[in-house]
């Protein structure tokens, strides 16, 4: 899965199937802001779950 772009913010997901954990790295332009972590079940994280995490982050931080 590639990055998700919301205005000047970029969300780059990555995950480890072995550890069943993932992270979304949040950037504003080229500046790294933070890492949002999550866990999942199965062989890979579902795209819908990642998009929901990004949507909630955007709502919390008033990102359009």
PDB file of N, CA and C in Angstrom:
ATOM      1  N   UNK A   1       0.847  -1.174   0.000  1.00  0.00           N
ATOM      2  CA  UNK A   1       0.000   0.000   0.000  1.00  0.00           C
ATOM      3  C   UNK A   1       0.889   1.232   0.000  1.00  0.00           C
ATOM      4  N   UNK A   2       0.497   2.226  -0.767  1.00  0.00           N
ATOM      5  CA  UNK A   2       1.255   3.461  -0.830  1.00  0.00           C
ATOM      6  C   UNK A   2       0.770   4.478   0.184  1.00  0.00           C
ATOM      7  N   UNK A   3       1.304   5.661   0.080  1.00  0.00           N
ATOM      8  CA  UNK A   3       0.969   6.744   0.996  1.00  0.00           C
ATOM      9  C   UNK A   3      -0.437   7.289   0.712  1.00  0.00           C
ATOM     10  N   UNK A   4      -1.038   7.839   1.749  1.00  0.00           N
ATOM     11  CA  UNK A   4      -2.334   8.509   1.643  1.00  0.00           C
ATOM     12  C   UNK A   4      -2.069  10.000   1.806  1.00  0.00           C
ATOM     13  N   UNK A   5      -2.562  10.806   0.872  1.00  0.00           N
ATOM     14  CA  UNK A   5      -2.330  12.244   0.895  1.00  0.00           C
ATOM     15  C   UNK A   5      -3.604  12.973   1.302  1.00  0.00           C
ATOM     16  N   UNK A   6      -3.503  13.878   2.261  1.00  0.00           N
ATOM     17  CA  UNK A   6      -4.615  14.749   2.667  1.00  0.00           C
ATOM     18  C   UNK A   6      -4.062  16.158   2.774  1.00  0.00           C
ATOM     19  N   UNK A   7      -4.354  17.002   1.786  1.00  0.00           N
ATOM     20  CA  UNK A   7      -3.771  18.342   1.687  1.00  0.00           C
ATOM     21  C   UNK A   7      -2.257  18.241   1.782  1.00  0.00           C
ATOM     22  N   UNK A   8      -1.620  18.974   2.674  1.00  0.00           N
ATOM     23  CA  UNK A   8      -0.158  18.927   2.767  1.00  0.00           C
ATOM     24  C   UNK A   8       0.342  17.807   3.677  1.00  0.00           C
ATOM     25  N   UNK A   9      -0.555  16.975   4.177  1.00  0.00           N
ATOM     26  CA  UNK A   9      -0.196  15.863   5.060  1.00  0.00           C
ATOM     27  C   UNK A   9      -0.074  14.569   4.267  1.00  0.00           C
ATOM     28  N   UNK A  10       0.915  13.755   4.634  1.00  0.00           N
ATOM     29  CA  UNK A  10       1.119  12.461   3.993  1.00  0.00           C
ATOM     30  C   UNK A  10       1.167  11.385   5.081  1.00  0.00           C
ATOM     31  N   UNK A  11       0.452  10.312   4.876  1.00  0.00           N
ATOM     32  CA  UNK A  11       0.360   9.204   5.825  1.00  0.00           C
ATOM     33  C   UNK A  11       0.945   7.970   5.155  1.00  0.00           C
ATOM     34  N   UNK A  12       2.046   7.457   5.717  1.00  0.00           N
ATOM     35  CA  UNK A  12       2.733   6.311   5.120  1.00  0.00           C
ATOM     36  C   UNK A  12       2.593   5.093   6.029  1.00  0.00           C
ATOM     37  N   UNK A  13       1.736   4.149   5.666  1.00  0.00           N
ATOM     38  CA  UNK A  13       1.549   2.950   6.490  1.00  0.00           C
ATOM     39  C   UNK A  13       2.629   1.899   6.247  1.00  0.00           C
ATOM     40  N   UNK A  14       2.927   1.161   7.301  1.00  0.00           N
ATOM     41  CA  UNK A  14       3.798  -0.007   7.201  1.00  0.00           C
ATOM     42  C   UNK A  14       3.339  -0.986   8.268  1.00  0.00           C
ATOM     43  N   UNK A  15       3.623  -2.262   8.045  1.00  0.00           N
ATOM     44  CA  UNK A  15       3.196  -3.252   9.032  1.00  0.00           C
ATOM     45  C   UNK A  15       4.077  -4.482   8.981  1.00  0.00           C
ATOM     46  N   UNK A  16       4.059  -5.207  10.100  1.00  0.00           N
ATOM     47  CA  UNK A  16       4.803  -6.453  10.229  1.00  0.00           C
ATOM     48  C   UNK A  16       3.808  -7.582  10.438  1.00  0.00           C
ATOM     49  N   UNK A  17       3.757  -8.506   9.489  1.00  0.00           N
ATOM     50  CA  UNK A  17       2.869  -9.663   9.612  1.00  0.00           C
ATOM     51  C   UNK A  17       3.329 -10.533  10.778  1.00  0.00           C
ATOM     52  N   UNK A  18       4.622 -10.651  10.963  1.00  0.00           N
ATOM     53  CA  UNK A  18       5.175 -11.477  12.033  1.00  0.00           C
ATOM     54  C   UNK A  18       4.695 -11.022  13.404  1.00  0.00           C
ATOM     55  N   UNK A  19       4.735  -9.716  13.631  1.00  0.00           N
ATOM     56  CA  UNK A  19       4.366  -9.168  14.946  1.00  0.00           C
ATOM     57  C   UNK A  19       2.912  -8.713  15.026  1.00  0.00           C
ATOM     58  N   UNK A  20       2.203  -8.724  13.887  1.00  0.00           N
ATOM     59  CA  UNK A  20       0.802  -8.303  13.829  1.00  0.00           C
ATOM     60  C   UNK A  20       0.638  -6.870  14.335  1.00  0.00           C
ATOM     61  N   UNK A  21       1.599  -6.022  14.007  1.00  0.00           N
ATOM     62  CA  UNK A  21       1.565  -4.619  14.395  1.00  0.00           C
ATOM     63  C   UNK A  21       1.851  -3.761  13.181  1.00  0.00           C
ATOM     64  N   UNK A  22       1.277  -2.572  13.205  1.00  0.00           N
ATOM     65  CA  UNK A  22       1.507  -1.637  12.118  1.00  0.00           C
ATOM     66  C   UNK A  22       1.710  -0.237  12.646  1.00  0.00           C
ATOM     67  N   UNK A  23       2.112   0.636  11.744  1.00  0.00           N
ATOM     68  CA  UNK A  23       2.315   2.036  12.092  1.00  0.00           C
ATOM     69  C   UNK A  23       1.993   2.892  10.871  1.00  0.00           C
ATOM     70  N   UNK A  24       1.520   4.081  11.143  1.00  0.00           N
ATOM     71  CA  UNK A  24       1.307   5.057  10.091  1.00  0.00           C
ATOM     72  C   UNK A  24       2.186   6.252  10.446  1.00  0.00           C
ATOM     73  N   UNK A  25       3.133   6.560   9.567  1.00  0.00           N
ATOM     74  CA  UNK A  25       4.017   7.704   9.788  1.00  0.00           C
ATOM     75  C   UNK A  25       3.348   8.929   9.173  1.00  0.00           C
ATOM     76  N   UNK A  26       3.230   9.979   9.983  1.00  0.00           N
ATOM     77  CA  UNK A  26       2.544  11.195   9.559  1.00  0.00           C
ATOM     78  C   UNK A  26       3.578  12.279   9.256  1.00  0.00           C
ATOM     79  N   UNK A  27       3.458  12.861   8.064  1.00  0.00           N
ATOM     80  CA  UNK A  27       4.342  13.933   7.625  1.00  0.00           C
ATOM     81  C   UNK A  27       3.512  15.145   7.222  1.00  0.00           C
ATOM     82  N   UNK A  28       4.060  16.318   7.471  1.00  0.00           N
ATOM     83  CA  UNK A  28       3.500  17.557   6.923  1.00  0.00           C
ATOM     84  C   UNK A  28       4.586  18.110   6.030  1.00  0.00           C
ATOM     85  N   UNK A  29       4.360  18.028   4.727  1.00  0.00           N
ATOM     86  CA  UNK A  29       5.423  18.318   3.785  1.00  0.00           C
ATOM     87  C   UNK A  29       6.494  17.258   3.951  1.00  0.00           C
ATOM     88  N   UNK A  30       7.728  17.678   4.189  1.00  0.00           N
ATOM     89  CA  UNK A  30       8.815  16.721   4.403  1.00  0.00           C
ATOM     90  C   UNK A  30       9.124  16.517   5.887  1.00  0.00           C
ATOM     91  N   UNK A  31       8.376  17.201   6.769  1.00  0.00           N
ATOM     92  CA  UNK A  31       8.625  17.102   8.213  1.00  0.00           C
ATOM     93  C   UNK A  31       7.852  15.941   8.833  1.00  0.00           C
ATOM     94  N   UNK A  32       8.570  15.050   9.506  1.00  0.00           N
ATOM     95  CA  UNK A  32       7.935  13.946  10.226  1.00  0.00           C
ATOM     96  C   UNK A  32       7.275  14.501  11.477  1.00  0.00           C
ATOM     97  N   UNK A  33       5.975  14.168  11.682  1.00  0.00           N
ATOM     98  CA  UNK A  33       5.250  14.659  12.852  1.00  0.00           C
ATOM     99  C   UNK A  33       5.135  13.606  13.943  1.00  0.00           C
ATOM    100  N   UNK A  34       4.656  12.431  13.579  1.00  0.00           N
ATOM    101  CA  UNK A  34       4.483  11.387  14.589  1.00  0.00           C
ATOM    102  C   UNK A  34       4.195  10.041  13.944  1.00  0.00           C
ATOM    103  N   UNK A  35       4.183   9.021  14.794  1.00  0.00           N
ATOM    104  CA  UNK A  35       3.873   7.660  14.376  1.00  0.00           C
ATOM    105  C   UNK A  35       2.614   7.212  15.117  1.00  0.00           C
ATOM    106  N   UNK A  36       1.632   6.754  14.370  1.00  0.00           N
ATOM    107  CA  UNK A  36       0.394   6.222  14.944  1.00  0.00           C
ATOM    108  C   UNK A  36       0.463   4.711  14.806  1.00  0.00           C
ATOM    109  N   UNK A  37       0.409   3.995  15.922  1.00  0.00           N
ATOM    110  CA  UNK A  37       0.539   2.537  15.878  1.00  0.00           C
ATOM    111  C   UNK A  37      -0.825   1.857  15.971  1.00  0.00           C
ATOM    112  N   UNK A  38      -0.878   0.625  15.475  1.00  0.00           N
ATOM    113  CA  UNK A  38      -2.103  -0.176  15.535  1.00  0.00           C
ATOM    114  C   UNK A  38      -1.728  -1.649  15.438  1.00  0.00           C
ATOM    115  N   UNK A  39      -2.667  -2.503  15.765  1.00  0.00           N
ATOM    116  CA  UNK A  39      -2.465  -3.946  15.619  1.00  0.00           C
ATOM    117  C   UNK A  39      -3.529  -4.486  14.667  1.00  0.00           C
ATOM    118  N   UNK A  40      -3.288  -5.689  14.163  1.00  0.00           N
ATOM    119  CA  UNK A  40      -4.235  -6.298  13.221  1.00  0.00           C
ATOM    120  C   UNK A  40      -4.124  -7.808  13.294  1.00  0.00           C
ATOM    121  N   UNK A  41      -5.075  -8.483  12.680  1.00  0.00           N
ATOM    122  CA  UNK A  41      -5.096  -9.941  12.602  1.00  0.00           C
ATOM    123  C   UNK A  41      -4.983 -10.350  11.136  1.00  0.00           C
ATOM    124  N   UNK A  42      -4.465 -11.524  10.897  1.00  0.00           N
ATOM    125  CA  UNK A  42      -4.407 -12.044   9.542  1.00  0.00           C
ATOM    126  C   UNK A  42      -3.072 -11.812   8.872  1.00  0.00           C
ATOM    127  N   UNK A  43      -3.056 -11.979   7.546  1.00  0.00           N
ATOM    128  CA  UNK A  43      -1.823 -11.874   6.781  1.00  0.00           C
ATOM    129  C   UNK A  43      -1.405 -10.439   6.501  1.00  0.00           C
ATOM    130  N   UNK A  44      -2.329  -9.506   6.550  1.00  0.00           N
ATOM    131  CA  UNK A  44      -2.012  -8.110   6.287  1.00  0.00           C
ATOM    132  C   UNK A  44      -3.086  -7.217   6.891  1.00  0.00           C
ATOM    133  N   UNK A  45      -2.744  -5.967   7.057  1.00  0.00           N
ATOM    134  CA  UNK A  45      -3.700  -5.007   7.594  1.00  0.00           C
ATOM    135  C   UNK A  45      -4.683  -4.614   6.498  1.00  0.00           C
ATOM    136  N   UNK A  46      -5.934  -4.491   6.845  1.00  0.00           N
ATOM    137  CA  UNK A  46      -6.955  -4.139   5.872  1.00  0.00           C
ATOM    138  C   UNK A  46      -6.867  -2.662   5.505  1.00  0.00           C
ATOM    139  N   UNK A  47      -6.984  -2.379   4.224  1.00  0.00           N
ATOM    140  CA  UNK A  47      -6.942  -1.010   3.721  1.00  0.00           C
ATOM    141  C   UNK A  47      -7.991  -0.139   4.417  1.00  0.00           C
ATOM    142  N   UNK A  48      -9.179  -0.695   4.621  1.00  0.00           N
ATOM    143  CA  UNK A  48     -10.266   0.054   5.256  1.00  0.00           C
ATOM    144  C   UNK A  48      -9.879   0.491   6.674  1.00  0.00           C
ATOM    145  N   UNK A  49      -9.212  -0.385   7.421  1.00  0.00           N
ATOM    146  CA  UNK A  49      -8.788  -0.046   8.784  1.00  0.00           C
ATOM    147  C   UNK A  49      -7.788   1.107   8.761  1.00  0.00           C
ATOM    148  N   UNK A  50      -6.833   1.052   7.849  1.00  0.00           N
ATOM    149  CA  UNK A  50      -5.833   2.112   7.738  1.00  0.00           C
ATOM    150  C   UNK A  50      -6.507   3.431   7.371  1.00  0.00           C
ATOM    151  N   UNK A  51      -7.428   3.397   6.430  1.00  0.00           N
ATOM    152  CA  UNK A  51      -8.134   4.620   6.037  1.00  0.00           C
ATOM    153  C   UNK A  51      -8.952   5.183   7.196  1.00  0.00           C
ATOM    154  N   UNK A  52      -9.556   4.317   8.006  1.00  0.00           N
ATOM    155  CA  UNK A  52     -10.301   4.785   9.181  1.00  0.00           C
ATOM    156  C   UNK A  52      -9.384   5.459  10.194  1.00  0.00           C
ATOM    157  N   UNK A  53      -8.197   4.910  10.404  1.00  0.00           N
ATOM    158  CA  UNK A  53      -7.232   5.515  11.320  1.00  0.00           C
ATOM    159  C   UNK A  53      -6.830   6.895  10.808  1.00  0.00           C
ATOM    160  N   UNK A  54      -6.576   7.006   9.512  1.00  0.00           N
ATOM    161  CA  UNK A  54      -6.207   8.294   8.916  1.00  0.00           C
ATOM    162  C   UNK A  54      -7.364   9.285   9.056  1.00  0.00           C
ATOM    163  N   UNK A  55      -8.591   8.844   8.777  1.00  0.00           N
ATOM    164  CA  UNK A  55      -9.766   9.726   8.901  1.00  0.00           C
ATOM    165  C   UNK A  55      -9.912  10.246  10.328  1.00  0.00           C
ATOM    166  N   UNK A  56      -9.760   9.380  11.321  1.00  0.00           N
ATOM    167  CA  UNK A  56      -9.877   9.796  12.722  1.00  0.00           C
ATOM    168  C   UNK A  56      -8.767  10.771  13.087  1.00  0.00           C
ATOM    169  N   UNK A  57      -7.565  10.520  12.604  1.00  0.00           N
ATOM    170  CA  UNK A  57      -6.451  11.424  12.866  1.00  0.00           C
ATOM    171  C   UNK A  57      -6.764  12.814  12.284  1.00  0.00           C
ATOM    172  N   UNK A  58      -7.257  12.840  11.060  1.00  0.00           N
ATOM    173  CA  UNK A  58      -7.580  14.106  10.391  1.00  0.00           C
ATOM    174  C   UNK A  58      -8.688  14.858  11.148  1.00  0.00           C
ATOM    175  N   UNK A  59      -9.702  14.147  11.603  1.00  0.00           N
ATOM    176  CA  UNK A  59     -10.773  14.785  12.363  1.00  0.00           C
ATOM    177  C   UNK A  59     -10.237  15.366  13.666  1.00  0.00           C
ATOM    178  N   UNK A  60      -9.418  14.608  14.366  1.00  0.00           N
ATOM    179  CA  UNK A  60      -8.862  15.045  15.655  1.00  0.00           C
ATOM    180  C   UNK A  60      -7.984  16.291  15.489  1.00  0.00           C
ATOM    181  N   UNK A  61      -7.256  16.387  14.368  1.00  0.00           N
ATOM    182  CA  UNK A  61      -6.326  17.478  14.148  1.00  0.00           C
ATOM    183  C   UNK A  61      -6.862  18.531  13.161  1.00  0.00           C
ATOM    184  N   UNK A  62      -8.155  18.468  12.879  1.00  0.00           N
ATOM    185  CA  UNK A  62      -8.813  19.434  11.979  1.00  0.00           C
ATOM    186  C   UNK A  62      -8.116  19.561  10.619  1.00  0.00           C
ATOM    187  N   UNK A  63      -7.809  18.424  10.030  1.00  0.00           N
ATOM    188  CA  UNK A  63      -7.206  18.380   8.702  1.00  0.00           C
ATOM    189  C   UNK A  63      -8.322  18.099   7.716  1.00  0.00           C
ATOM    190  N   UNK A  64      -8.462  18.934   6.735  1.00  0.00           N
ATOM    191  CA  UNK A  64      -9.527  18.787   5.741  1.00  0.00           C
ATOM    192  C   UNK A  64      -9.179  17.762   4.694  1.00  0.00           C
TER     193      UNK A  64
END
